[in-house]
N, C-alpha and C. Protein backbone atom coordinates (compact mmCIF):
# COMPACT_ATOMS: atom_id res chain seq x y z
N MET A 1 126.21 101.14 106.96
CA MET A 1 125.17 101.86 107.64
C MET A 1 124.28 102.53 106.56
N THR A 2 123.06 102.35 106.61
CA THR A 2 122.09 102.98 105.62
C THR A 2 121.78 104.37 106.13
N THR A 3 121.82 105.37 105.24
CA THR A 3 121.59 106.75 105.52
C THR A 3 120.43 107.24 104.70
N PHE A 4 119.98 108.49 105.08
CA PHE A 4 118.96 109.12 104.27
C PHE A 4 119.17 110.67 104.48
N PRO A 5 118.72 111.47 103.44
CA PRO A 5 118.93 112.89 103.51
C PRO A 5 117.94 113.57 104.55
N LEU A 6 118.55 114.50 105.31
CA LEU A 6 117.76 115.29 106.31
C LEU A 6 118.11 116.73 106.00
N THR A 7 117.02 117.50 106.06
CA THR A 7 117.16 119.01 106.03
C THR A 7 116.48 119.56 107.22
N ILE A 8 117.12 120.49 107.84
CA ILE A 8 116.47 121.25 108.91
C ILE A 8 116.51 122.71 108.53
N ALA A 9 115.38 123.41 108.44
CA ALA A 9 115.40 124.71 107.94
C ALA A 9 114.41 125.63 108.69
N THR A 10 114.71 126.98 108.69
CA THR A 10 113.69 127.94 109.07
C THR A 10 113.24 128.72 107.87
N VAL A 11 112.42 129.61 108.10
CA VAL A 11 111.88 130.47 106.91
C VAL A 11 113.04 131.08 106.09
N ASP A 12 114.06 131.44 106.77
CA ASP A 12 115.10 132.25 106.00
C ASP A 12 116.47 131.51 105.87
N LYS A 13 116.60 130.23 106.42
CA LYS A 13 117.97 129.70 106.21
C LYS A 13 117.89 128.19 106.53
N THR A 14 118.82 127.47 105.93
CA THR A 14 119.00 126.00 106.20
C THR A 14 120.04 125.88 107.30
N LEU A 15 119.61 125.18 108.39
CA LEU A 15 120.45 124.96 109.53
C LEU A 15 121.27 123.65 109.41
N PHE A 16 120.75 122.69 108.67
CA PHE A 16 121.45 121.38 108.50
C PHE A 16 120.96 120.85 107.23
N HIS A 17 121.86 120.24 106.45
CA HIS A 17 121.49 119.38 105.27
C HIS A 17 122.56 118.36 105.08
N GLY A 18 122.22 117.10 105.09
CA GLY A 18 123.16 116.02 104.92
C GLY A 18 122.55 114.67 105.06
N HIS A 19 123.33 113.67 104.88
CA HIS A 19 122.91 112.24 105.03
C HIS A 19 123.12 111.91 106.51
N VAL A 20 122.07 111.33 107.12
CA VAL A 20 122.11 110.86 108.50
C VAL A 20 121.77 109.42 108.68
N VAL A 21 122.12 108.81 109.74
CA VAL A 21 121.72 107.43 110.05
C VAL A 21 120.47 107.50 110.73
N SER A 22 120.18 108.42 111.72
CA SER A 22 118.89 108.57 112.37
C SER A 22 118.74 110.00 112.80
N VAL A 23 117.49 110.32 113.17
CA VAL A 23 117.11 111.61 113.82
C VAL A 23 116.05 111.26 114.84
N ASN A 24 116.34 111.78 116.06
CA ASN A 24 115.39 111.69 117.16
C ASN A 24 114.73 113.06 117.34
N CYS A 25 113.39 113.14 117.40
CA CYS A 25 112.71 114.35 117.62
C CYS A 25 111.61 114.30 118.65
N PRO A 26 111.40 115.41 119.35
CA PRO A 26 110.22 115.51 120.28
C PRO A 26 108.95 115.73 119.64
N GLY A 27 108.32 114.64 119.26
CA GLY A 27 107.05 114.70 118.53
C GLY A 27 105.91 115.20 119.48
N SER A 28 104.85 115.68 119.00
CA SER A 28 103.77 116.23 119.81
C SER A 28 103.10 115.05 120.67
N GLU A 29 103.34 113.89 120.19
CA GLU A 29 102.69 112.69 120.92
C GLU A 29 103.77 111.89 121.70
N GLY A 30 105.01 112.39 121.62
CA GLY A 30 106.06 111.70 122.24
C GLY A 30 107.31 111.63 121.38
N GLU A 31 108.37 111.14 121.97
CA GLU A 31 109.75 111.07 121.20
C GLU A 31 109.55 110.07 120.06
N LEU A 32 110.20 110.41 118.93
CA LEU A 32 110.17 109.53 117.83
C LEU A 32 111.57 109.47 117.12
N THR A 33 111.86 108.40 116.64
CA THR A 33 113.14 108.22 115.85
C THR A 33 112.85 107.85 114.39
N VAL A 34 113.49 108.57 113.46
CA VAL A 34 113.48 108.22 112.10
C VAL A 34 114.70 107.54 111.59
N LEU A 35 114.47 106.44 110.92
CA LEU A 35 115.62 105.71 110.26
C LEU A 35 115.37 105.63 108.82
N ALA A 36 116.30 105.19 108.01
CA ALA A 36 116.17 105.07 106.54
C ALA A 36 114.96 104.24 106.25
N HIS A 37 114.28 104.56 105.24
CA HIS A 37 113.11 103.84 104.71
C HIS A 37 111.93 103.87 105.73
N HIS A 38 111.80 104.93 106.45
CA HIS A 38 110.74 105.16 107.38
C HIS A 38 109.46 105.32 106.64
N ALA A 39 108.31 104.90 107.21
CA ALA A 39 107.00 105.11 106.53
C ALA A 39 106.79 106.62 106.42
N PRO A 40 105.98 107.08 105.39
CA PRO A 40 105.63 108.47 105.22
C PRO A 40 104.92 109.01 106.57
N LEU A 41 105.25 110.20 106.88
CA LEU A 41 104.77 110.77 108.13
C LEU A 41 104.83 112.24 108.06
N ILE A 42 103.84 112.93 108.63
CA ILE A 42 103.84 114.35 108.91
C ILE A 42 103.43 114.57 110.30
N THR A 43 104.18 115.26 111.18
CA THR A 43 103.78 115.44 112.56
C THR A 43 104.33 116.75 113.11
N ARG A 44 103.59 117.27 114.08
CA ARG A 44 104.05 118.49 114.73
C ARG A 44 105.15 118.09 115.74
N LEU A 45 106.06 119.04 115.95
CA LEU A 45 107.14 118.80 116.96
C LEU A 45 106.92 119.88 118.12
N LYS A 46 107.20 119.38 119.30
CA LYS A 46 107.11 120.30 120.44
C LYS A 46 108.47 120.67 120.92
N GLY A 47 108.60 121.56 121.81
CA GLY A 47 109.88 122.07 122.33
C GLY A 47 110.85 120.94 122.88
N GLY A 48 112.06 121.08 122.61
CA GLY A 48 113.02 120.06 123.13
C GLY A 48 114.23 120.06 122.24
N GLU A 49 114.72 118.91 122.01
CA GLU A 49 116.02 118.72 121.31
C GLU A 49 115.98 117.73 120.16
N ILE A 50 116.45 118.08 119.04
CA ILE A 50 116.61 117.21 117.92
C ILE A 50 118.00 116.62 117.94
N ARG A 51 118.14 115.31 117.84
CA ARG A 51 119.44 114.55 117.96
C ARG A 51 119.62 113.91 116.63
N ILE A 52 120.72 114.37 115.95
CA ILE A 52 121.04 113.73 114.60
C ILE A 52 122.31 112.91 114.68
N LYS A 53 122.19 111.68 114.26
CA LYS A 53 123.30 110.73 114.19
C LYS A 53 123.75 110.54 112.80
N THR A 54 125.05 110.93 112.47
CA THR A 54 125.58 110.66 111.13
C THR A 54 126.54 109.52 111.30
N GLU A 55 127.21 109.03 110.27
CA GLU A 55 128.09 107.92 110.37
C GLU A 55 129.30 108.22 111.30
N HIS A 56 129.59 109.54 111.53
CA HIS A 56 130.79 109.87 112.22
C HIS A 56 130.56 110.73 113.43
N ASP A 57 129.30 111.31 113.66
CA ASP A 57 129.13 112.35 114.57
C ASP A 57 127.67 112.30 115.14
N ILE A 58 127.53 113.05 116.24
CA ILE A 58 126.14 113.26 116.81
C ILE A 58 126.03 114.79 116.93
N THR A 59 125.00 115.32 116.46
CA THR A 59 124.69 116.83 116.53
C THR A 59 123.34 117.06 117.09
N THR A 60 123.24 118.04 117.86
CA THR A 60 121.88 118.42 118.47
C THR A 60 121.45 119.81 118.07
N PHE A 61 120.19 120.07 118.05
CA PHE A 61 119.55 121.33 117.84
C PHE A 61 118.42 121.53 118.83
N SER A 62 118.26 122.69 119.41
CA SER A 62 117.16 122.96 120.22
C SER A 62 116.01 123.57 119.42
N LEU A 63 114.80 123.31 119.89
CA LEU A 63 113.65 123.87 119.12
C LEU A 63 112.56 124.23 120.13
N ASP A 64 111.73 125.23 119.68
CA ASP A 64 110.53 125.56 120.47
C ASP A 64 109.34 124.76 119.95
N HIS A 65 109.31 124.68 118.64
CA HIS A 65 108.22 123.88 117.93
C HIS A 65 108.61 123.76 116.50
N GLY A 66 107.92 122.86 115.77
CA GLY A 66 108.27 122.69 114.38
C GLY A 66 107.38 121.60 113.72
N LEU A 67 107.80 121.25 112.54
CA LEU A 67 107.02 120.27 111.72
C LEU A 67 107.98 119.27 111.17
N LEU A 68 107.73 118.01 111.22
CA LEU A 68 108.48 116.98 110.57
C LEU A 68 107.72 116.29 109.49
N GLU A 69 108.34 116.18 108.26
CA GLU A 69 107.83 115.43 107.23
C GLU A 69 108.80 114.41 106.70
N VAL A 70 108.31 113.15 106.56
CA VAL A 70 109.12 112.03 106.09
C VAL A 70 108.45 111.49 104.90
N SER A 71 109.13 111.44 103.76
CA SER A 71 108.55 110.94 102.52
C SER A 71 109.70 110.58 101.54
N ARG A 72 109.43 109.51 100.77
CA ARG A 72 110.43 109.14 99.72
C ARG A 72 111.87 109.01 100.29
N ASN A 73 112.01 108.39 101.44
CA ASN A 73 113.24 108.15 102.13
C ASN A 73 114.05 109.36 102.40
N GLU A 74 113.35 110.50 102.70
CA GLU A 74 114.06 111.71 103.15
C GLU A 74 113.18 112.41 104.19
N ALA A 75 113.87 113.21 105.01
CA ALA A 75 113.14 113.87 106.11
C ALA A 75 113.43 115.43 106.00
N VAL A 76 112.36 116.12 106.34
CA VAL A 76 112.54 117.66 106.34
C VAL A 76 111.94 118.13 107.74
N ILE A 77 112.66 118.90 108.40
CA ILE A 77 112.18 119.53 109.65
C ILE A 77 112.13 121.02 109.44
N LEU A 78 111.00 121.55 109.65
CA LEU A 78 110.75 123.05 109.54
C LEU A 78 110.55 123.64 110.85
N LEU A 79 111.38 124.57 111.27
CA LEU A 79 111.37 125.25 112.54
C LEU A 79 110.83 126.63 112.45
């Protein structure tokens, strides 16, 4: 399974950092899934749930709003 690094952070702390298989996010224009080697992207996130799939687990985070950036085969979500 191909993975990529994902970081989820707030202004004062890192909530998640690790290699993931996929991340599903509530984008401002609808649900979106990021996989390894995704095209570069910056988008706003609306309230909902982030679903992270690693090779061995599925983790979720709730959010009110945020920002997703995908570039150079890594993703960063700022809440």
